[in-house]
C-alpha atoms as a PDB file:
ATOM      1  CA  MET A   1      -4.113  15.761  -0.177  1.00  0.00           C
ATOM      2  CA  ASP A   2      -7.454  17.549  -1.698  1.00  0.00           C
ATOM      3  CA  ASP A   3      -8.494  21.253  -0.488  1.00  0.00           C
ATOM      4  CA  ILE A   4     -12.019  19.997   0.874  1.00  0.00           C
ATOM      5  CA  VAL A   5     -10.591  17.261   2.608  1.00  0.00           C
ATOM      6  CA  LYS A   6      -8.194  19.824   4.298  1.00  0.00           C
ATOM      7  CA  ALA A   7     -10.928  22.196   4.793  1.00  0.00           C
ATOM      8  CA  ALA A   8     -12.953  19.348   6.576  1.00  0.00           C
ATOM      9  CA  MET A   9      -9.985  18.527   8.785  1.00  0.00           C
ATOM     10  CA  ALA A  10      -9.486  22.313   9.763  1.00  0.00           C
ATOM     11  CA  LYS A  11     -13.190  21.935  10.504  1.00  0.00           C
ATOM     12  CA  TRP A  12     -13.676  18.929  12.502  1.00  0.00           C
ATOM     13  CA  PRO A  13     -10.084  18.230  13.759  1.00  0.00           C
ATOM     14  CA  HIS A  14     -11.127  15.728  16.579  1.00  0.00           C
ATOM     15  CA  VAL A  15     -13.234  12.819  14.643  1.00  0.00           C
ATOM     16  CA  PRO A  16     -12.462   9.155  16.004  1.00  0.00           C
ATOM     17  CA  ASP A  17      -9.844   7.275  13.418  1.00  0.00           C
ATOM     18  CA  CYS A  18     -11.745   4.775  11.559  1.00  0.00           C
ATOM     19  CA  ARG A  19      -9.936   1.711  11.167  1.00  0.00           C
ATOM     20  CA  GLY A  20     -10.532  -2.526   9.162  1.00  0.00           C
ATOM     21  CA  TRP A  21     -13.018  -1.365   6.932  1.00  0.00           C
ATOM     22  CA  LEU A  22     -10.150  -0.300   4.033  1.00  0.00           C
ATOM     23  CA  ALA A  23      -7.855  -2.955   2.525  1.00  0.00           C
ATOM     24  CA  LEU A  24      -5.567  -2.945  -0.838  1.00  0.00           C
ATOM     25  CA  ASP A  25      -5.380  -6.485  -1.921  1.00  0.00           C
ATOM     26  CA  ALA A  26      -1.705  -8.111  -4.100  1.00  0.00           C
ATOM     27  CA  ARG A  27      -2.807  -6.449  -7.229  1.00  0.00           C
ATOM     28  CA  GLY A  28      -3.081  -2.558  -6.070  1.00  0.00           C
ATOM     29  CA  ASN A  29      -7.392  -3.179  -5.947  1.00  0.00           C
ATOM     30  CA  TRP A  30      -9.375  -1.218  -2.926  1.00  0.00           C
ATOM     31  CA  TYR A  31     -12.052  -3.503  -0.860  1.00  0.00           C
ATOM     32  CA  MET A  32     -14.549  -1.948   1.911  1.00  0.00           C
ATOM     33  CA  ARG A  33     -15.282  -4.814   4.767  1.00  0.00           C
ATOM     34  CA  ASP A  34     -17.854  -3.770   6.603  1.00  0.00           C
ATOM     35  CA  ALA A  35     -18.926  -5.497   9.470  1.00  0.00           C
ATOM     36  CA  GLY A  36     -19.794  -8.865   8.841  1.00  0.00           C
ATOM     37  CA  THR A  37     -16.318  -9.235   6.506  1.00  0.00           C
ATOM     38  CA  GLN A  38     -14.641  -8.181   9.417  1.00  0.00           C
ATOM     39  CA  ALA A  39     -16.338 -10.744  11.814  1.00  0.00           C
ATOM     40  CA  ALA A  40     -15.049 -13.713   9.297  1.00  0.00           C
ATOM     41  CA  GLY A  41     -12.080 -12.823   9.721  1.00  0.00           C
ATOM     42  CA  ALA A  42      -8.403 -10.863   9.079  1.00  0.00           C
ATOM     43  CA  PHE A  43      -7.754  -9.322   5.391  1.00  0.00           C
ATOM     44  CA  PRO A  44      -7.431 -11.068   2.787  1.00  0.00           C
ATOM     45  CA  ALA A  45      -8.585 -14.473   4.433  1.00  0.00           C
ATOM     46  CA  ALA A  46     -11.735 -12.358   3.939  1.00  0.00           C
ATOM     47  CA  LYS A  47     -11.557  -9.692   1.688  1.00  0.00           C
ATOM     48  CA  GLY A  48     -15.513  -7.840   1.514  1.00  0.00           C
ATOM     49  CA  SER A  49     -16.480  -5.764  -2.050  1.00  0.00           C
ATOM     50  CA  ARG A  50     -13.538  -4.459  -4.621  1.00  0.00           C
ATOM     51  CA  ILE A  51     -14.202  -0.868  -4.787  1.00  0.00           C
ATOM     52  CA  ASP A  52     -14.935  -0.542  -8.873  1.00  0.00           C
ATOM     53  CA  HIS A  53     -15.963   3.065  -8.466  1.00  0.00           C
ATOM     54  CA  LEU A  54     -13.360   5.120 -10.754  1.00  0.00           C
ATOM     55  CA  GLN A  55     -14.004   8.591  -8.912  1.00  0.00           C
ATOM     56  CA  LEU A  56     -13.579   7.183  -5.860  1.00  0.00           C
ATOM     57  CA  ARG A  57     -10.553   4.587  -6.486  1.00  0.00           C
ATOM     58  CA  ALA A  58      -9.123   7.871  -7.508  1.00  0.00           C
ATOM     59  CA  PHE A  59      -9.785  10.216  -4.446  1.00  0.00           C
ATOM     60  CA  ILE A  60      -8.591   7.190  -2.471  1.00  0.00           C
ATOM     61  CA  ALA A  61      -5.122   7.247  -4.218  1.00  0.00           C
ATOM     62  CA  ARG A  62      -5.555  11.345  -4.272  1.00  0.00           C
ATOM     63  CA  ASN A  63      -5.510  11.322  -0.154  1.00  0.00           C
ATOM     64  CA  TYR A  64      -3.503   8.275   0.689  1.00  0.00           C
ATOM     65  CA  ALA A  65      -0.499   8.377   3.007  1.00  0.00           C
ATOM     66  CA  ALA A  66       1.186   7.000   5.905  1.00  0.00           C
ATOM     67  CA  ASP A  67       1.524   8.229   9.708  1.00  0.00           C
ATOM     68  CA  ALA A  68       4.942   8.892  11.961  1.00  0.00           C
ATOM     69  CA  GLN A  69       4.457   4.954  12.719  1.00  0.00           C
ATOM     70  CA  GLY A  70       4.179   3.674   8.844  1.00  0.00           C
ATOM     71  CA  GLN A  71       0.176   2.679   9.273  1.00  0.00           C
ATOM     72  CA  TRP A  72      -1.289   3.895   5.903  1.00  0.00           C
ATOM     73  CA  TYR A  73      -4.542   5.747   5.332  1.00  0.00           C
ATOM     74  CA  PHE A  74      -7.229   7.306   3.425  1.00  0.00           C
ATOM     75  CA  GLN A  75      -7.811  10.707   5.014  1.00  0.00           C
ATOM     76  CA  ASN A  76     -12.020  10.772   4.392  1.00  0.00           C
ATOM     77  CA  GLY A  77     -12.953  14.391   4.845  1.00  0.00           C
ATOM     78  CA  PRO A  78     -11.760  14.854   8.729  1.00  0.00           C
ATOM     79  CA  GLN A  79     -11.733  10.830   9.122  1.00  0.00           C
ATOM     80  CA  ARG A  80      -8.327   8.520   8.882  1.00  0.00           C
ATOM     81  CA  VAL A  81      -9.499   5.821   7.444  1.00  0.00           C
ATOM     82  CA  TYR A  82      -6.422   3.328   7.860  1.00  0.00           C
ATOM     83  CA  VAL A  83      -5.964   0.368   5.923  1.00  0.00           C
ATOM     84  CA  GLU A  84      -5.147  -3.056   6.172  1.00  0.00           C
ATOM     85  CA  LEU A  85      -2.406  -4.464   3.868  1.00  0.00           C
ATOM     86  CA  GLU A  86      -1.713  -7.264   1.849  1.00  0.00           C
ATOM     87  CA  ALA A  87       1.556  -7.258   1.194  1.00  0.00           C
ATOM     88  CA  ALA A  88       3.150  -3.291   0.549  1.00  0.00           C
ATOM     89  CA  PRO A  89       1.572  -0.208   1.422  1.00  0.00           C
ATOM     90  CA  TRP A  90       2.142   0.355  -2.683  1.00  0.00           C
ATOM     91  CA  VAL A  91       1.610  -2.058  -5.762  1.00  0.00           C
ATOM     92  CA  TRP A  92       4.016  -1.145  -8.984  1.00  0.00           C
ATOM     93  CA  ARG A  93       3.260  -1.629 -12.397  1.00  0.00           C
ATOM     94  CA  VAL A  94       6.138  -1.823 -14.870  1.00  0.00           C
ATOM     95  CA  GLU A  95       6.070   0.207 -18.059  1.00  0.00           C
ATOM     96  CA  ALA A  96       7.931  -1.166 -21.448  1.00  0.00           C
ATOM     97  CA  ASP A  97      11.575   1.380 -20.233  1.00  0.00           C
ATOM     98  CA  HIS A  98      11.594  -0.329 -16.566  1.00  0.00           C
ATOM     99  CA  ALA A  99       9.600   2.901 -14.920  1.00  0.00           C
ATOM    100  CA  LEU A 100       7.687   3.017 -12.197  1.00  0.00           C
ATOM    101  CA  ILE A 101       3.814   3.652 -11.677  1.00  0.00           C
ATOM    102  CA  SER A 102       2.470   2.912  -8.276  1.00  0.00           C
ATOM    103  CA  HIS A 103      -1.133   1.801  -7.747  1.00  0.00           C
ATOM    104  CA  THR A 104      -2.616   5.434  -7.399  1.00  0.00           C
ATOM    105  CA  GLY A 105      -0.375   7.520 -10.415  1.00  0.00           C
ATOM    106  CA  LEU A 106       2.204   7.926  -8.847  1.00  0.00           C
ATOM    107  CA  ALA A 107       5.461   7.730 -10.694  1.00  0.00           C
ATOM    108  CA  ALA A 108       8.444   6.438  -8.138  1.00  0.00           C
ATOM    109  CA  ARG A 109      12.268   5.513  -8.929  1.00  0.00           C
ATOM    110  CA  TYR A 110      14.139   2.453  -8.274  1.00  0.00           C
ATOM    111  CA  ARG A 111      15.923   1.871  -5.017  1.00  0.00           C
ATOM    112  CA  SER A 112      16.104  -2.325  -4.235  1.00  0.00           C
ATOM    113  CA  ALA A 113      15.291  -5.103  -5.388  1.00  0.00           C
ATOM    114  CA  TRP A 114      14.057  -8.056  -2.797  1.00  0.00           C
ATOM    115  CA  LEU A 115      12.762 -11.441  -3.396  1.00  0.00           C
ATOM    116  CA  ASP A 116      10.965 -12.521  -0.640  1.00  0.00           C
ATOM    117  CA  ASP A 117      10.464 -16.384   0.639  1.00  0.00           C
ATOM    118  CA  SER A 118       6.928 -16.903  -2.280  1.00  0.00           C
ATOM    119  CA  GLY A 119       9.743 -15.585  -5.059  1.00  0.00           C
ATOM    120  CA  ARG A 120       7.574 -12.473  -4.913  1.00  0.00           C
ATOM    121  CA  LEU A 121       8.842  -9.557  -6.353  1.00  0.00           C
ATOM    122  CA  PHE A 122       9.525  -6.166  -3.699  1.00  0.00           C
ATOM    123  CA  LEU A 123      10.636  -2.421  -4.824  1.00  0.00           C
ATOM    124  CA  ASP A 124      11.970  -0.196  -2.816  1.00  0.00           C
ATOM    125  CA  THR A 125      11.690   3.393  -3.941  1.00  0.00           C
ATOM    126  CA  ASP A 126      11.471   6.655  -3.025  1.00  0.00           C
ATOM    127  CA  LEU A 127       8.131   6.570  -2.370  1.00  0.00           C
ATOM    128  CA  GLY A 128       8.651   3.364   0.141  1.00  0.00           C
ATOM    129  CA  LEU A 129       8.487  -0.250  -0.933  1.00  0.00           C
ATOM    130  CA  GLY A 130       6.149  -1.890  -3.090  1.00  0.00           C
ATOM    131  CA  LEU A 131       5.151  -5.244  -4.753  1.00  0.00           C
ATOM    132  CA  VAL A 132       5.402  -5.782  -8.509  1.00  0.00           C
ATOM    133  CA  HIS A 133       2.060  -5.837 -10.045  1.00  0.00           C
ATOM    134  CA  SER A 134       1.437 -10.109 -10.962  1.00  0.00           C
ATOM    135  CA  LEU A 135       0.984  -9.021 -14.731  1.00  0.00           C
ATOM    136  CA  ASP A 136       3.963  -7.350 -14.930  1.00  0.00           C
ATOM    137  CA  MET A 137       6.255  -9.822 -14.264  1.00  0.00           C
ATOM    138  CA  GLY A 138       7.904  -9.698 -17.527  1.00  0.00           C
ATOM    139  CA  LEU A 139       9.008  -6.547 -17.426  1.00  0.00           C
ATOM    140  CA  ALA A 140      10.542  -7.039 -14.661  1.00  0.00           C
ATOM    141  CA  ALA A 141      12.086 -10.023 -15.700  1.00  0.00           C
ATOM    142  CA  GLU A 142      13.425  -8.061 -18.359  1.00  0.00           C
ATOM    143  CA  ALA A 143      14.668  -4.753 -15.998  1.00  0.00           C
ATOM    144  CA  VAL A 144      16.771  -7.668 -13.739  1.00  0.00           C
ATOM    145  CA  GLU A 145      18.438  -9.436 -16.326  1.00  0.00           C
ATOM    146  CA  ALA A 146      19.637  -6.276 -18.165  1.00  0.00           C
ATOM    147  CA  GLY A 147      20.952  -5.259 -14.826  1.00  0.00           C
ATOM    148  CA  ASP A 148      19.188  -2.388 -14.041  1.00  0.00           C
ATOM    149  CA  TRP A 149      17.587  -3.879 -11.176  1.00  0.00           C
ATOM    150  CA  VAL A 150      19.538  -6.022  -8.137  1.00  0.00           C
ATOM    151  CA  CYS A 151      17.138  -8.691  -6.249  1.00  0.00           C
ATOM    152  CA  GLY A 152      18.327  -9.594  -2.344  1.00  0.00           C
ATOM    153  CA  GLU A 153      16.548 -12.126  -0.875  1.00  0.00           C
ATOM    154  CA  LEU A 154      14.381 -11.411   1.842  1.00  0.00           C
ATOM    155  CA  PRO A 155      11.270 -12.908   4.093  1.00  0.00           C
ATOM    156  CA  PHE A 156       8.387 -11.518   3.917  1.00  0.00           C
ATOM    157  CA  ALA A 157       7.659 -11.542   7.275  1.00  0.00           C
ATOM    158  CA  GLN A 158      11.180  -9.173   7.732  1.00  0.00           C
ATOM    159  CA  MET A 159       9.878  -6.349   5.214  1.00  0.00           C
ATOM    160  CA  PRO A 160       7.201  -4.509   7.441  1.00  0.00           C
ATOM    161  CA  ALA A 161      10.229  -4.044  10.125  1.00  0.00           C
ATOM    162  CA  ARG A 162      12.703  -3.533   7.886  1.00  0.00           C
ATOM    163  CA  PHE A 163      11.076  -1.089   5.694  1.00  0.00           C
ATOM    164  CA  GLY A 164       8.888   0.660   7.981  1.00  0.00           C
ATOM    165  CA  TYR A 165       5.076  -0.384   7.441  1.00  0.00           C
ATOM    166  CA  CYS A 166       2.575  -1.740   9.271  1.00  0.00           C
ATOM    167  CA  LEU A 167       0.458  -4.857   7.429  1.00  0.00           C
ATOM    168  CA  SER A 168      -2.635  -4.426  10.107  1.00  0.00           C
ATOM    169  CA  PRO A 169      -2.178  -0.791  12.197  1.00  0.00           C
ATOM    170  CA  ASP A 170      -5.739  -2.583  14.477  1.00  0.00           C
ATOM    171  CA  ALA A 171      -3.931  -5.889  14.991  1.00  0.00           C
ATOM    172  CA  GLU A 172       0.225  -4.908  14.880  1.00  0.00           C
ATOM    173  CA  LYS A 173       1.980  -2.599  17.187  1.00  0.00           C
ATOM    174  CA  PRO A 174       4.019   0.356  14.265  1.00  0.00           C
ATOM    175  CA  PRO A 175       7.752  -0.509  13.763  1.00  0.00           C
ATOM    176  CA  ALA A 176      10.147   0.834  16.039  1.00  0.00           C
ATOM    177  CA  GLY A 177      11.242   4.177  13.779  1.00  0.00           C
ATOM    178  CA  GLY A 178       8.711   4.944  11.384  1.00  0.00           C
ATOM    179  CA  LEU A 179       8.720   5.250   7.684  1.00  0.00           C
ATOM    180  CA  ALA A 180      12.670   4.522   6.600  1.00  0.00           C
END
């Protein structure tokens, strides 16, 4: 977390949380969801405006975390901005050697692989569960064929509870037990 964010949290400890205004899609894109977008429907049906500003994306990435209930948020100075998730808290990019890099630029270590009922590939890592980016499915297939990753099957609806995360902190009761 940025030092300036820690200082703001210490200076203003009682700023109310923000919910519904930030979202992460299945390709690792951040979306700002203003009041009109929120009124138009739940994420991802009503996405909002994609955040393309590189420095803002980097700031969000550096200050992205989860609370004890598996609700993911961006710590924006003294305010915690909870994130609506389309699929999982992480989106994995796969390198040629099958190394994993998160949508926030963090390296991760593979623990297990899961296919959901739509054929999407999720990886559980030392950072938590994430969806493999659609552009990297060729490299992911190589990892599976090489025996580096062994896939189980799990319906998508069961993933948040199994891996301890919340898709929509505003709409869902957090999973029991917090993070996996």
